N, C-alpha and C. Protein backbone atom coordinates (compact mmCIF):
# COMPACT_ATOMS: atom_id res chain seq x y z
N MET A 1 10.12 20.15 24.85
CA MET A 1 11.24 19.28 24.47
C MET A 1 10.74 17.87 24.23
N SER A 2 11.18 17.25 23.16
CA SER A 2 10.75 15.90 22.83
C SER A 2 11.70 14.88 23.43
N HIS A 3 11.11 13.85 24.08
CA HIS A 3 11.93 12.84 24.73
C HIS A 3 11.75 11.45 24.14
N ALA A 4 10.54 11.14 23.61
CA ALA A 4 10.31 9.82 23.07
C ALA A 4 11.28 9.57 21.92
N ASP A 5 11.96 8.45 21.95
CA ASP A 5 13.02 8.15 21.00
C ASP A 5 12.70 6.82 20.35
N ARG A 6 12.58 6.81 19.03
CA ARG A 6 12.16 5.59 18.36
C ARG A 6 13.28 4.55 18.28
N THR A 7 14.47 4.88 18.81
CA THR A 7 15.43 3.80 19.00
C THR A 7 14.95 2.89 20.11
N PHE A 8 14.05 3.40 20.98
CA PHE A 8 13.32 2.55 21.92
C PHE A 8 12.08 2.06 21.19
N VAL A 9 11.89 0.76 21.14
CA VAL A 9 10.74 0.20 20.41
C VAL A 9 9.44 0.79 20.93
N LEU A 10 9.33 0.93 22.24
CA LEU A 10 8.11 1.45 22.85
C LEU A 10 7.81 2.89 22.39
N GLY A 11 8.84 3.60 21.95
CA GLY A 11 8.65 4.96 21.48
C GLY A 11 7.77 5.08 20.25
N ASN A 12 7.56 3.97 19.56
CA ASN A 12 6.72 3.99 18.37
C ASN A 12 5.23 4.09 18.69
N ILE A 13 4.85 3.86 19.94
CA ILE A 13 3.41 3.90 20.29
C ILE A 13 3.12 4.85 21.44
N LEU A 14 4.06 5.75 21.74
CA LEU A 14 3.86 6.74 22.79
C LEU A 14 4.08 8.15 22.24
N PRO A 15 3.45 9.16 22.84
CA PRO A 15 3.64 10.55 22.39
C PRO A 15 5.07 11.02 22.60
N ALA A 16 5.45 12.07 21.91
CA ALA A 16 6.81 12.60 21.98
C ALA A 16 7.14 13.18 23.34
N SER A 17 6.13 13.50 24.15
CA SER A 17 6.36 14.07 25.48
C SER A 17 6.79 13.04 26.51
N VAL A 18 6.77 11.76 26.14
CA VAL A 18 7.06 10.68 27.08
C VAL A 18 8.54 10.32 27.03
N SER A 19 9.14 10.19 28.21
CA SER A 19 10.52 9.72 28.32
C SER A 19 10.50 8.22 28.60
N ILE A 20 11.31 7.48 27.85
CA ILE A 20 11.28 6.01 27.89
C ILE A 20 12.65 5.46 28.20
N TRP A 21 12.67 4.33 28.90
CA TRP A 21 13.86 3.49 28.94
C TRP A 21 13.39 2.06 28.88
N GLU A 22 14.05 1.25 28.05
CA GLU A 22 13.69 -0.15 27.93
C GLU A 22 14.93 -1.00 27.83
N SER A 23 14.78 -2.28 28.19
CA SER A 23 15.89 -3.21 28.14
C SER A 23 15.40 -4.56 27.65
N PHE A 24 16.08 -5.12 26.66
CA PHE A 24 15.80 -6.47 26.18
C PHE A 24 16.81 -7.43 26.81
N GLY A 25 16.35 -8.59 27.19
CA GLY A 25 17.25 -9.59 27.78
C GLY A 25 17.58 -9.25 29.22
N SER A 26 18.73 -9.71 29.68
CA SER A 26 19.14 -9.47 31.06
C SER A 26 19.60 -8.03 31.24
N MET A 27 19.68 -7.61 32.49
CA MET A 27 20.08 -6.24 32.82
C MET A 27 21.05 -6.32 34.01
N PRO A 28 22.32 -6.66 33.74
CA PRO A 28 23.27 -6.93 34.83
C PRO A 28 23.47 -5.78 35.79
N ASP A 29 23.28 -4.54 35.33
CA ASP A 29 23.51 -3.39 36.20
C ASP A 29 22.26 -2.90 36.92
N ALA A 30 21.17 -3.67 36.82
CA ALA A 30 19.95 -3.29 37.55
C ALA A 30 20.20 -3.35 39.05
N ALA A 31 19.71 -2.36 39.76
CA ALA A 31 19.97 -2.30 41.21
C ALA A 31 18.83 -1.59 41.92
N LEU A 32 18.71 -1.90 43.20
CA LEU A 32 17.72 -1.25 44.05
C LEU A 32 18.42 -0.29 45.01
N LEU A 33 17.74 0.78 45.36
CA LEU A 33 18.22 1.67 46.41
C LEU A 33 17.81 1.10 47.76
N PRO A 34 18.50 1.47 48.83
CA PRO A 34 18.20 0.89 50.16
C PRO A 34 16.74 0.99 50.56
N GLU A 35 16.09 2.11 50.25
CA GLU A 35 14.68 2.28 50.61
C GLU A 35 13.79 1.29 49.86
N GLU A 36 14.20 0.93 48.64
CA GLU A 36 13.43 -0.03 47.86
C GLU A 36 13.67 -1.45 48.32
N GLU A 37 14.87 -1.72 48.81
CA GLU A 37 15.19 -3.05 49.33
C GLU A 37 14.21 -3.46 50.42
N VAL A 38 13.80 -2.51 51.23
CA VAL A 38 12.88 -2.79 52.34
C VAL A 38 11.55 -3.34 51.82
N LEU A 39 11.14 -2.93 50.65
CA LEU A 39 9.88 -3.38 50.09
C LEU A 39 9.91 -4.85 49.69
N LEU A 40 11.10 -5.43 49.58
CA LEU A 40 11.24 -6.79 49.04
C LEU A 40 11.88 -7.75 50.02
N GLU A 41 11.71 -7.50 51.30
CA GLU A 41 12.38 -8.32 52.31
C GLU A 41 12.02 -9.80 52.18
N ARG A 42 10.79 -10.11 51.77
CA ARG A 42 10.34 -11.51 51.69
C ARG A 42 10.21 -12.00 50.25
N ALA A 43 10.68 -11.23 49.30
CA ALA A 43 10.50 -11.58 47.89
C ALA A 43 11.51 -12.62 47.44
N VAL A 44 11.10 -13.47 46.50
CA VAL A 44 12.01 -14.45 45.92
C VAL A 44 12.94 -13.73 44.95
N GLU A 45 14.01 -14.39 44.55
CA GLU A 45 15.03 -13.74 43.73
C GLU A 45 14.48 -13.27 42.38
N LYS A 46 13.60 -14.05 41.78
CA LYS A 46 13.01 -13.66 40.49
C LYS A 46 12.27 -12.34 40.62
N ARG A 47 11.48 -12.20 41.68
CA ARG A 47 10.73 -10.96 41.90
C ARG A 47 11.68 -9.79 42.19
N ARG A 48 12.73 -10.04 42.94
CA ARG A 48 13.70 -8.99 43.24
C ARG A 48 14.35 -8.46 41.95
N LEU A 49 14.68 -9.39 41.04
CA LEU A 49 15.31 -8.99 39.79
C LEU A 49 14.35 -8.18 38.93
N GLU A 50 13.10 -8.63 38.82
CA GLU A 50 12.11 -7.89 38.05
C GLU A 50 11.92 -6.48 38.61
N PHE A 51 11.84 -6.39 39.93
CA PHE A 51 11.62 -5.11 40.58
C PHE A 51 12.82 -4.18 40.34
N ALA A 52 14.02 -4.74 40.46
CA ALA A 52 15.23 -3.95 40.26
C ALA A 52 15.32 -3.45 38.82
N MET A 53 14.98 -4.31 37.86
CA MET A 53 15.02 -3.89 36.46
C MET A 53 14.00 -2.77 36.20
N GLY A 54 12.80 -2.93 36.73
CA GLY A 54 11.77 -1.92 36.54
C GLY A 54 12.16 -0.58 37.13
N ARG A 55 12.70 -0.62 38.37
CA ARG A 55 13.11 0.64 39.02
C ARG A 55 14.30 1.27 38.31
N THR A 56 15.21 0.45 37.82
CA THR A 56 16.36 1.00 37.11
C THR A 56 15.92 1.66 35.81
N CYS A 57 15.03 1.01 35.05
CA CYS A 57 14.50 1.63 33.84
C CYS A 57 13.78 2.94 34.18
N ALA A 58 13.02 2.93 35.26
CA ALA A 58 12.27 4.12 35.64
C ALA A 58 13.21 5.27 36.00
N ARG A 59 14.27 4.99 36.75
CA ARG A 59 15.20 6.06 37.12
C ARG A 59 15.90 6.63 35.88
N ARG A 60 16.21 5.77 34.92
CA ARG A 60 16.87 6.25 33.70
C ARG A 60 15.90 7.07 32.84
N ALA A 61 14.64 6.68 32.82
CA ALA A 61 13.64 7.48 32.11
C ALA A 61 13.46 8.83 32.79
N LEU A 62 13.44 8.85 34.12
CA LEU A 62 13.31 10.10 34.87
C LEU A 62 14.54 10.99 34.67
N ALA A 63 15.70 10.36 34.59
CA ALA A 63 16.93 11.15 34.38
C ALA A 63 16.87 11.90 33.07
N ARG A 64 16.22 11.35 32.08
CA ARG A 64 16.09 12.04 30.79
C ARG A 64 15.20 13.27 30.90
N LEU A 65 14.42 13.35 31.99
CA LEU A 65 13.60 14.53 32.25
C LEU A 65 14.29 15.48 33.24
N GLY A 66 15.50 15.11 33.65
CA GLY A 66 16.25 15.98 34.54
C GLY A 66 16.15 15.65 36.01
N PHE A 67 15.56 14.50 36.37
CA PHE A 67 15.42 14.13 37.77
C PHE A 67 16.67 13.42 38.28
N ARG A 68 17.02 13.71 39.52
CA ARG A 68 18.14 13.03 40.15
C ARG A 68 17.71 11.65 40.63
N THR A 69 18.70 10.77 40.87
CA THR A 69 18.42 9.43 41.37
C THR A 69 17.72 9.50 42.72
N ALA A 70 16.61 8.78 42.84
CA ALA A 70 15.84 8.75 44.09
C ALA A 70 15.04 7.46 44.13
N PRO A 71 14.69 6.97 45.33
CA PRO A 71 13.88 5.75 45.39
C PRO A 71 12.50 5.95 44.81
N ILE A 72 11.98 4.91 44.19
CA ILE A 72 10.61 4.91 43.67
C ILE A 72 9.84 3.89 44.51
N MET A 73 9.06 4.40 45.42
CA MET A 73 8.38 3.54 46.37
C MET A 73 7.11 2.96 45.75
N ARG A 74 6.30 2.29 46.58
CA ARG A 74 5.17 1.52 46.08
C ARG A 74 3.89 1.94 46.80
N GLY A 75 2.80 2.08 46.04
CA GLY A 75 1.52 2.47 46.61
C GLY A 75 0.69 1.30 47.07
N SER A 76 -0.56 1.59 47.47
CA SER A 76 -1.44 0.57 48.06
C SER A 76 -1.83 -0.51 47.07
N ASN A 77 -1.78 -0.21 45.78
CA ASN A 77 -2.10 -1.21 44.76
C ASN A 77 -0.84 -1.71 44.07
N ARG A 78 0.29 -1.54 44.76
CA ARG A 78 1.60 -1.96 44.28
C ARG A 78 2.07 -1.13 43.08
N GLU A 79 1.45 0.02 42.87
CA GLU A 79 1.84 0.89 41.77
C GLU A 79 3.05 1.74 42.16
N PRO A 80 3.88 2.13 41.20
CA PRO A 80 5.02 3.01 41.51
C PRO A 80 4.53 4.38 41.97
N LEU A 81 5.21 4.95 42.95
CA LEU A 81 4.91 6.30 43.41
C LEU A 81 5.93 7.24 42.77
N TRP A 82 5.46 8.05 41.84
CA TRP A 82 6.34 8.90 41.05
C TRP A 82 6.61 10.23 41.75
N PRO A 83 7.68 10.91 41.38
CA PRO A 83 7.92 12.25 41.93
C PRO A 83 6.75 13.18 41.63
N GLU A 84 6.61 14.22 42.44
CA GLU A 84 5.54 15.18 42.22
C GLU A 84 5.65 15.77 40.81
N GLY A 85 4.50 15.83 40.14
CA GLY A 85 4.48 16.38 38.79
C GLY A 85 4.79 15.39 37.70
N ILE A 86 4.89 14.10 38.06
CA ILE A 86 5.23 13.06 37.08
C ILE A 86 4.15 11.98 37.07
N VAL A 87 3.83 11.48 35.90
CA VAL A 87 3.00 10.28 35.74
C VAL A 87 3.84 9.24 35.01
N GLY A 88 3.53 7.98 35.22
CA GLY A 88 4.34 6.97 34.54
C GLY A 88 3.81 5.57 34.71
N SER A 89 4.53 4.63 34.13
CA SER A 89 4.14 3.23 34.17
C SER A 89 5.38 2.37 33.92
N ILE A 90 5.37 1.17 34.50
CA ILE A 90 6.47 0.21 34.35
C ILE A 90 5.88 -1.11 33.89
N THR A 91 6.60 -1.82 33.04
CA THR A 91 6.18 -3.16 32.65
C THR A 91 7.39 -4.08 32.54
N HIS A 92 7.18 -5.35 32.80
CA HIS A 92 8.23 -6.33 32.56
C HIS A 92 7.61 -7.69 32.28
N CYS A 93 8.28 -8.43 31.45
CA CYS A 93 7.92 -9.81 31.17
C CYS A 93 9.23 -10.52 30.86
N PRO A 94 9.25 -11.84 30.77
CA PRO A 94 10.52 -12.52 30.49
C PRO A 94 11.20 -11.98 29.23
N GLY A 95 12.39 -11.41 29.39
CA GLY A 95 13.15 -10.91 28.25
C GLY A 95 12.98 -9.44 27.94
N TYR A 96 12.14 -8.74 28.70
CA TYR A 96 11.91 -7.33 28.38
C TYR A 96 11.46 -6.57 29.62
N CYS A 97 11.91 -5.31 29.72
CA CYS A 97 11.48 -4.43 30.80
C CYS A 97 11.49 -3.00 30.27
N ALA A 98 10.54 -2.18 30.72
CA ALA A 98 10.48 -0.80 30.26
C ALA A 98 9.77 0.08 31.27
N ALA A 99 10.09 1.37 31.20
CA ALA A 99 9.38 2.39 31.97
C ALA A 99 9.11 3.57 31.06
N ALA A 100 8.00 4.24 31.30
CA ALA A 100 7.62 5.43 30.53
C ALA A 100 7.11 6.47 31.51
N VAL A 101 7.64 7.69 31.42
CA VAL A 101 7.24 8.76 32.34
C VAL A 101 7.04 10.06 31.56
N ALA A 102 6.23 10.95 32.12
CA ALA A 102 5.98 12.25 31.50
C ALA A 102 5.53 13.23 32.57
N GLY A 103 5.62 14.51 32.26
CA GLY A 103 5.12 15.52 33.17
C GLY A 103 3.60 15.50 33.22
N SER A 104 3.04 15.75 34.40
CA SER A 104 1.58 15.73 34.55
C SER A 104 0.91 16.89 33.82
N SER A 105 1.69 17.88 33.41
CA SER A 105 1.14 18.95 32.58
C SER A 105 0.96 18.49 31.13
N ASP A 106 1.66 17.43 30.75
CA ASP A 106 1.55 16.88 29.39
C ASP A 106 0.54 15.76 29.30
N LEU A 107 0.50 14.90 30.33
CA LEU A 107 -0.39 13.75 30.32
C LEU A 107 -1.02 13.54 31.69
N LEU A 108 -2.26 13.06 31.70
CA LEU A 108 -2.93 12.74 32.96
C LEU A 108 -2.46 11.41 33.52
N ALA A 109 -2.18 10.46 32.65
CA ALA A 109 -1.78 9.12 33.08
C ALA A 109 -1.19 8.36 31.91
N ILE A 110 -0.34 7.38 32.25
CA ILE A 110 0.26 6.48 31.26
C ILE A 110 0.05 5.05 31.73
N GLY A 111 -0.26 4.18 30.81
CA GLY A 111 -0.28 2.75 31.09
C GLY A 111 0.46 2.02 29.98
N ILE A 112 1.45 1.22 30.34
CA ILE A 112 2.16 0.41 29.34
C ILE A 112 2.17 -1.04 29.78
N ASP A 113 2.22 -1.93 28.80
CA ASP A 113 2.32 -3.36 29.11
C ASP A 113 3.06 -4.06 27.99
N ALA A 114 3.84 -5.05 28.35
CA ALA A 114 4.54 -5.90 27.38
C ALA A 114 4.34 -7.36 27.74
N GLU A 115 4.15 -8.18 26.74
CA GLU A 115 3.94 -9.62 26.92
C GLU A 115 4.68 -10.36 25.83
N GLU A 116 5.03 -11.60 26.11
CA GLU A 116 5.58 -12.45 25.06
C GLU A 116 4.52 -12.66 23.98
N HIS A 117 4.95 -12.67 22.71
CA HIS A 117 4.00 -12.87 21.62
C HIS A 117 3.70 -14.35 21.49
N ALA A 118 2.75 -14.79 22.30
CA ALA A 118 2.34 -16.19 22.33
C ALA A 118 0.90 -16.24 22.81
N THR A 119 0.22 -17.33 22.50
CA THR A 119 -1.16 -17.47 22.95
C THR A 119 -1.21 -17.56 24.47
N ILE A 120 -2.30 -17.10 25.07
CA ILE A 120 -2.42 -17.20 26.52
C ILE A 120 -2.77 -18.64 26.90
N PRO A 121 -2.55 -19.05 28.15
CA PRO A 121 -2.80 -20.45 28.55
C PRO A 121 -4.24 -20.88 28.29
N ASP A 122 -4.41 -22.16 28.02
CA ASP A 122 -5.74 -22.71 27.78
C ASP A 122 -6.68 -22.36 28.93
N GLY A 123 -7.86 -21.93 28.58
CA GLY A 123 -8.88 -21.62 29.58
C GLY A 123 -8.83 -20.20 30.10
N SER A 124 -7.74 -19.47 29.81
CA SER A 124 -7.59 -18.12 30.36
C SER A 124 -8.45 -17.08 29.64
N LEU A 125 -8.72 -17.31 28.36
CA LEU A 125 -9.44 -16.31 27.58
C LEU A 125 -10.82 -16.03 28.15
N ASP A 126 -11.50 -17.05 28.65
CA ASP A 126 -12.83 -16.84 29.22
C ASP A 126 -12.80 -15.90 30.40
N ALA A 127 -11.69 -15.89 31.14
CA ALA A 127 -11.57 -15.01 32.30
C ALA A 127 -11.24 -13.58 31.90
N VAL A 128 -10.67 -13.42 30.71
CA VAL A 128 -10.19 -12.11 30.27
C VAL A 128 -11.20 -11.42 29.35
N ALA A 129 -11.88 -12.20 28.50
CA ALA A 129 -12.69 -11.64 27.43
C ALA A 129 -14.15 -12.00 27.56
N SER A 130 -15.01 -11.07 27.18
CA SER A 130 -16.44 -11.34 27.10
C SER A 130 -16.73 -12.12 25.82
N GLU A 131 -17.95 -12.61 25.71
CA GLU A 131 -18.33 -13.33 24.49
C GLU A 131 -18.22 -12.41 23.28
N GLU A 132 -18.63 -11.15 23.44
CA GLU A 132 -18.53 -10.18 22.35
C GLU A 132 -17.08 -9.96 21.93
N GLU A 133 -16.18 -9.88 22.90
CA GLU A 133 -14.76 -9.71 22.59
C GLU A 133 -14.19 -10.94 21.89
N ARG A 134 -14.60 -12.11 22.33
CA ARG A 134 -14.09 -13.33 21.68
C ARG A 134 -14.54 -13.40 20.23
N GLU A 135 -15.77 -12.99 19.97
CA GLU A 135 -16.25 -12.95 18.58
C GLU A 135 -15.45 -11.93 17.76
N HIS A 136 -15.14 -10.80 18.38
CA HIS A 136 -14.34 -9.77 17.71
C HIS A 136 -12.96 -10.31 17.36
N LEU A 137 -12.33 -11.01 18.29
CA LEU A 137 -11.00 -11.56 18.02
C LEU A 137 -11.03 -12.55 16.87
N GLY A 138 -12.12 -13.30 16.77
CA GLY A 138 -12.24 -14.29 15.71
C GLY A 138 -12.34 -13.69 14.32
N ARG A 139 -12.67 -12.41 14.23
CA ARG A 139 -12.80 -11.76 12.93
C ARG A 139 -11.54 -11.02 12.52
N LEU A 140 -10.53 -11.00 13.38
CA LEU A 140 -9.32 -10.23 13.10
C LEU A 140 -8.35 -11.04 12.24
N PRO A 141 -7.44 -10.37 11.51
CA PRO A 141 -6.50 -11.08 10.63
C PRO A 141 -5.60 -12.04 11.40
N SER A 142 -5.14 -13.06 10.72
CA SER A 142 -4.25 -14.03 11.34
C SER A 142 -2.84 -13.45 11.45
N GLY A 143 -2.00 -14.12 12.22
CA GLY A 143 -0.60 -13.71 12.34
C GLY A 143 -0.26 -13.04 13.65
N ILE A 144 -1.27 -12.68 14.42
CA ILE A 144 -1.06 -12.06 15.73
C ILE A 144 -1.83 -12.86 16.77
N HIS A 145 -1.23 -13.05 17.92
CA HIS A 145 -1.93 -13.72 19.02
C HIS A 145 -2.83 -12.68 19.69
N TRP A 146 -4.04 -12.51 19.13
CA TRP A 146 -4.95 -11.47 19.59
C TRP A 146 -5.41 -11.69 21.02
N ASP A 147 -5.45 -12.94 21.47
CA ASP A 147 -5.86 -13.18 22.86
C ASP A 147 -4.87 -12.56 23.83
N ARG A 148 -3.58 -12.71 23.54
CA ARG A 148 -2.55 -12.12 24.39
C ARG A 148 -2.57 -10.59 24.26
N LEU A 149 -2.83 -10.12 23.07
CA LEU A 149 -2.89 -8.68 22.85
C LEU A 149 -4.07 -8.07 23.61
N LEU A 150 -5.18 -8.77 23.65
CA LEU A 150 -6.33 -8.31 24.42
C LEU A 150 -5.97 -8.18 25.89
N PHE A 151 -5.33 -9.21 26.42
CA PHE A 151 -4.89 -9.17 27.82
C PHE A 151 -3.99 -7.96 28.07
N SER A 152 -3.01 -7.75 27.18
CA SER A 152 -2.07 -6.65 27.33
C SER A 152 -2.77 -5.30 27.26
N ALA A 153 -3.70 -5.14 26.33
CA ALA A 153 -4.42 -3.88 26.19
C ALA A 153 -5.19 -3.56 27.47
N LYS A 154 -5.81 -4.56 28.06
CA LYS A 154 -6.55 -4.32 29.31
C LYS A 154 -5.60 -3.97 30.44
N GLU A 155 -4.43 -4.58 30.48
CA GLU A 155 -3.45 -4.23 31.49
C GLU A 155 -3.04 -2.76 31.36
N SER A 156 -2.81 -2.29 30.15
CA SER A 156 -2.45 -0.89 29.94
C SER A 156 -3.59 0.05 30.36
N VAL A 157 -4.81 -0.33 30.02
CA VAL A 157 -5.97 0.47 30.43
C VAL A 157 -6.06 0.56 31.95
N PHE A 158 -5.88 -0.56 32.63
CA PHE A 158 -6.00 -0.58 34.09
C PHE A 158 -4.91 0.28 34.73
N LYS A 159 -3.70 0.22 34.17
CA LYS A 159 -2.59 1.01 34.73
C LYS A 159 -2.83 2.51 34.57
N ALA A 160 -3.49 2.90 33.48
CA ALA A 160 -3.82 4.31 33.29
C ALA A 160 -5.01 4.72 34.16
N TRP A 161 -5.91 3.80 34.40
CA TRP A 161 -7.13 4.08 35.17
C TRP A 161 -6.85 4.28 36.65
N TRP A 162 -6.02 3.43 37.23
CA TRP A 162 -5.86 3.41 38.69
C TRP A 162 -5.42 4.74 39.29
N PRO A 163 -4.39 5.41 38.78
CA PRO A 163 -3.95 6.66 39.41
C PRO A 163 -5.02 7.76 39.41
N LEU A 164 -5.94 7.70 38.47
CA LEU A 164 -6.97 8.72 38.35
C LEU A 164 -8.17 8.45 39.24
N HIS A 165 -8.51 7.18 39.45
CA HIS A 165 -9.75 6.83 40.11
C HIS A 165 -9.56 6.04 41.41
N ARG A 166 -8.42 5.41 41.59
CA ARG A 166 -8.11 4.64 42.81
C ARG A 166 -9.18 3.60 43.10
N LYS A 167 -9.74 3.03 42.08
CA LYS A 167 -10.73 1.96 42.21
C LYS A 167 -10.33 0.80 41.33
N TRP A 168 -10.62 -0.41 41.80
CA TRP A 168 -10.28 -1.60 41.05
C TRP A 168 -11.11 -1.69 39.78
N LEU A 169 -10.47 -2.07 38.69
CA LEU A 169 -11.12 -2.26 37.40
C LEU A 169 -10.88 -3.69 36.98
N GLY A 170 -11.94 -4.47 36.84
CA GLY A 170 -11.80 -5.87 36.46
C GLY A 170 -11.74 -6.06 34.96
N PHE A 171 -11.34 -7.25 34.53
CA PHE A 171 -11.28 -7.53 33.09
C PHE A 171 -12.64 -7.31 32.43
N GLU A 172 -13.70 -7.59 33.18
CA GLU A 172 -15.04 -7.47 32.62
C GLU A 172 -15.51 -6.02 32.53
N ASP A 173 -14.75 -5.09 33.09
CA ASP A 173 -15.17 -3.69 33.15
C ASP A 173 -14.70 -2.87 31.95
N ALA A 174 -13.97 -3.48 31.03
CA ALA A 174 -13.51 -2.77 29.84
C ALA A 174 -13.65 -3.68 28.63
N ARG A 175 -14.29 -3.17 27.61
CA ARG A 175 -14.45 -3.94 26.36
C ARG A 175 -13.50 -3.35 25.31
N ILE A 176 -12.66 -4.22 24.75
CA ILE A 176 -11.62 -3.78 23.82
C ILE A 176 -12.02 -4.08 22.38
N GLU A 177 -11.77 -3.10 21.51
CA GLU A 177 -11.94 -3.29 20.07
C GLU A 177 -10.64 -2.88 19.39
N PHE A 178 -10.10 -3.73 18.54
CA PHE A 178 -8.85 -3.45 17.84
C PHE A 178 -9.12 -2.90 16.44
N GLU A 179 -8.22 -2.02 15.99
CA GLU A 179 -8.23 -1.49 14.62
C GLU A 179 -6.92 -1.89 13.96
N PRO A 180 -6.86 -3.07 13.32
CA PRO A 180 -5.59 -3.56 12.75
C PRO A 180 -4.97 -2.62 11.73
N GLU A 181 -5.79 -1.85 11.03
CA GLU A 181 -5.26 -0.96 9.99
C GLU A 181 -4.39 0.15 10.59
N THR A 182 -4.70 0.58 11.79
CA THR A 182 -3.99 1.70 12.42
C THR A 182 -3.16 1.29 13.62
N HIS A 183 -3.23 0.01 14.01
CA HIS A 183 -2.56 -0.50 15.20
C HIS A 183 -3.01 0.26 16.45
N ARG A 184 -4.30 0.53 16.49
CA ARG A 184 -4.89 1.19 17.64
C ARG A 184 -5.96 0.28 18.26
N PHE A 185 -6.33 0.62 19.50
CA PHE A 185 -7.46 -0.08 20.12
C PHE A 185 -8.28 0.92 20.92
N ARG A 186 -9.53 0.56 21.12
CA ARG A 186 -10.45 1.39 21.90
C ARG A 186 -10.99 0.56 23.05
N ALA A 187 -11.00 1.14 24.23
CA ALA A 187 -11.56 0.49 25.42
C ALA A 187 -12.81 1.23 25.83
N VAL A 188 -13.92 0.54 25.86
CA VAL A 188 -15.19 1.12 26.32
C VAL A 188 -15.43 0.60 27.73
N LEU A 189 -15.46 1.52 28.69
CA LEU A 189 -15.64 1.14 30.09
C LEU A 189 -17.12 1.03 30.43
N LYS A 190 -17.41 0.34 31.53
CA LYS A 190 -18.80 0.10 31.89
C LYS A 190 -19.57 1.39 32.17
N ASP A 191 -18.86 2.43 32.59
CA ASP A 191 -19.53 3.70 32.88
C ASP A 191 -19.72 4.55 31.62
N GLY A 192 -19.34 4.00 30.47
CA GLY A 192 -19.53 4.71 29.21
C GLY A 192 -18.33 5.49 28.73
N ARG A 193 -17.36 5.71 29.62
CA ARG A 193 -16.16 6.43 29.20
C ARG A 193 -15.31 5.55 28.29
N GLU A 194 -14.45 6.20 27.53
CA GLU A 194 -13.61 5.47 26.59
C GLU A 194 -12.15 5.87 26.78
N MET A 195 -11.26 4.93 26.51
CA MET A 195 -9.84 5.18 26.39
C MET A 195 -9.39 4.59 25.07
N CYS A 196 -8.40 5.21 24.48
CA CYS A 196 -7.82 4.67 23.25
C CYS A 196 -6.34 4.43 23.44
N GLY A 197 -5.81 3.47 22.75
CA GLY A 197 -4.40 3.14 22.89
C GLY A 197 -3.83 2.65 21.58
N ARG A 198 -2.55 2.29 21.65
CA ARG A 198 -1.85 1.81 20.48
C ARG A 198 -1.12 0.52 20.84
N TYR A 199 -0.81 -0.26 19.81
CA TYR A 199 -0.11 -1.53 20.05
C TYR A 199 0.88 -1.79 18.93
N LEU A 200 1.82 -2.67 19.22
CA LEU A 200 2.73 -3.16 18.19
C LEU A 200 3.21 -4.55 18.59
N VAL A 201 3.69 -5.27 17.60
CA VAL A 201 4.31 -6.57 17.80
C VAL A 201 5.71 -6.48 17.22
N ALA A 202 6.73 -6.68 18.05
CA ALA A 202 8.12 -6.51 17.59
C ALA A 202 9.05 -7.36 18.43
N ARG A 203 10.02 -7.97 17.79
CA ARG A 203 11.10 -8.72 18.46
C ARG A 203 10.56 -9.79 19.40
N GLY A 204 9.43 -10.38 19.01
CA GLY A 204 8.86 -11.47 19.79
C GLY A 204 8.01 -11.02 20.96
N PHE A 205 7.66 -9.72 21.01
CA PHE A 205 6.87 -9.20 22.11
C PHE A 205 5.65 -8.45 21.59
N ILE A 206 4.61 -8.43 22.41
CA ILE A 206 3.46 -7.57 22.22
C ILE A 206 3.61 -6.40 23.16
N MET A 207 3.39 -5.18 22.68
CA MET A 207 3.47 -3.99 23.52
C MET A 207 2.22 -3.15 23.31
N THR A 208 1.66 -2.65 24.40
CA THR A 208 0.49 -1.79 24.33
C THR A 208 0.73 -0.55 25.18
N ALA A 209 0.07 0.55 24.83
CA ALA A 209 0.24 1.80 25.57
C ALA A 209 -1.02 2.63 25.53
N VAL A 210 -1.33 3.23 26.67
CA VAL A 210 -2.41 4.20 26.80
C VAL A 210 -1.80 5.45 27.40
N ALA A 211 -2.02 6.61 26.78
CA ALA A 211 -1.49 7.87 27.28
C ALA A 211 -2.62 8.90 27.25
N LEU A 212 -3.10 9.28 28.41
CA LEU A 212 -4.27 10.14 28.53
C LEU A 212 -3.87 11.61 28.54
N ALA A 213 -4.35 12.36 27.56
CA ALA A 213 -4.04 13.78 27.46
C ALA A 213 -4.95 14.58 28.40
N PRO A 214 -4.43 15.65 29.01
CA PRO A 214 -5.24 16.41 30.00
C PRO A 214 -6.51 17.01 29.46
N THR A 215 -6.53 17.41 28.21
CA THR A 215 -7.67 18.13 27.68
C THR A 215 -8.66 17.24 26.91
N ARG A 216 -8.38 15.93 26.90
CA ARG A 216 -9.26 15.06 26.12
C ARG A 216 -9.70 13.85 26.95
N PRO A 217 -10.99 13.45 26.83
CA PRO A 217 -11.44 12.26 27.55
C PRO A 217 -10.89 10.97 26.94
N ILE A 218 -10.46 11.07 25.67
CA ILE A 218 -9.92 9.90 24.97
C ILE A 218 -8.48 10.23 24.59
N ILE A 219 -7.62 9.22 24.54
CA ILE A 219 -6.20 9.49 24.36
C ILE A 219 -5.75 9.50 22.91
N ILE A 220 -4.39 9.52 22.77
CA ILE A 220 -3.75 9.56 21.46
C ILE A 220 -4.41 8.60 20.47
């Protein structure tokens, strides 16, 4: 059964097996379940709202796969703990929130990220990109904030990496190459493995996605 719906912008860069829910702007009906409230006892209001929006999107994406409402707790790396047999990812930035989930028989892992389509703060690129990556960005077509897209692509790679390996992956541990003609990117990891992903720029946001298929070392 196909769940990815291109009425969701994120559906344009994810496989059809992925169930999505996204929200632009505010989300007045976002709410936390009591078990999730405990996770945020010391959180500021901004963080509580982001968390509630992410969990609400995640529950709605899970509902499209037939799952009943249930708390989505948090792991040791602050990652969402999905129901058995499910892989997924959540992202939020000012003005946008989304969740993407799929059965583990369809995908090994999902990583999604969304960012405002704007340049990253001065001085941040050196922390995110290698010299080789900075040279690569300089050769890409104008009109896209490639520095922010690079950051987003690495975030998606890290989110897909963590559930499989449970080891920290630094910005320097993945080298990103973009293919503007296909709106795809390739991540070469320090151990020689590769991940591939897709990206788009829409409605003032950058969105990236990595979806790892069970039978392939490289994704969609």
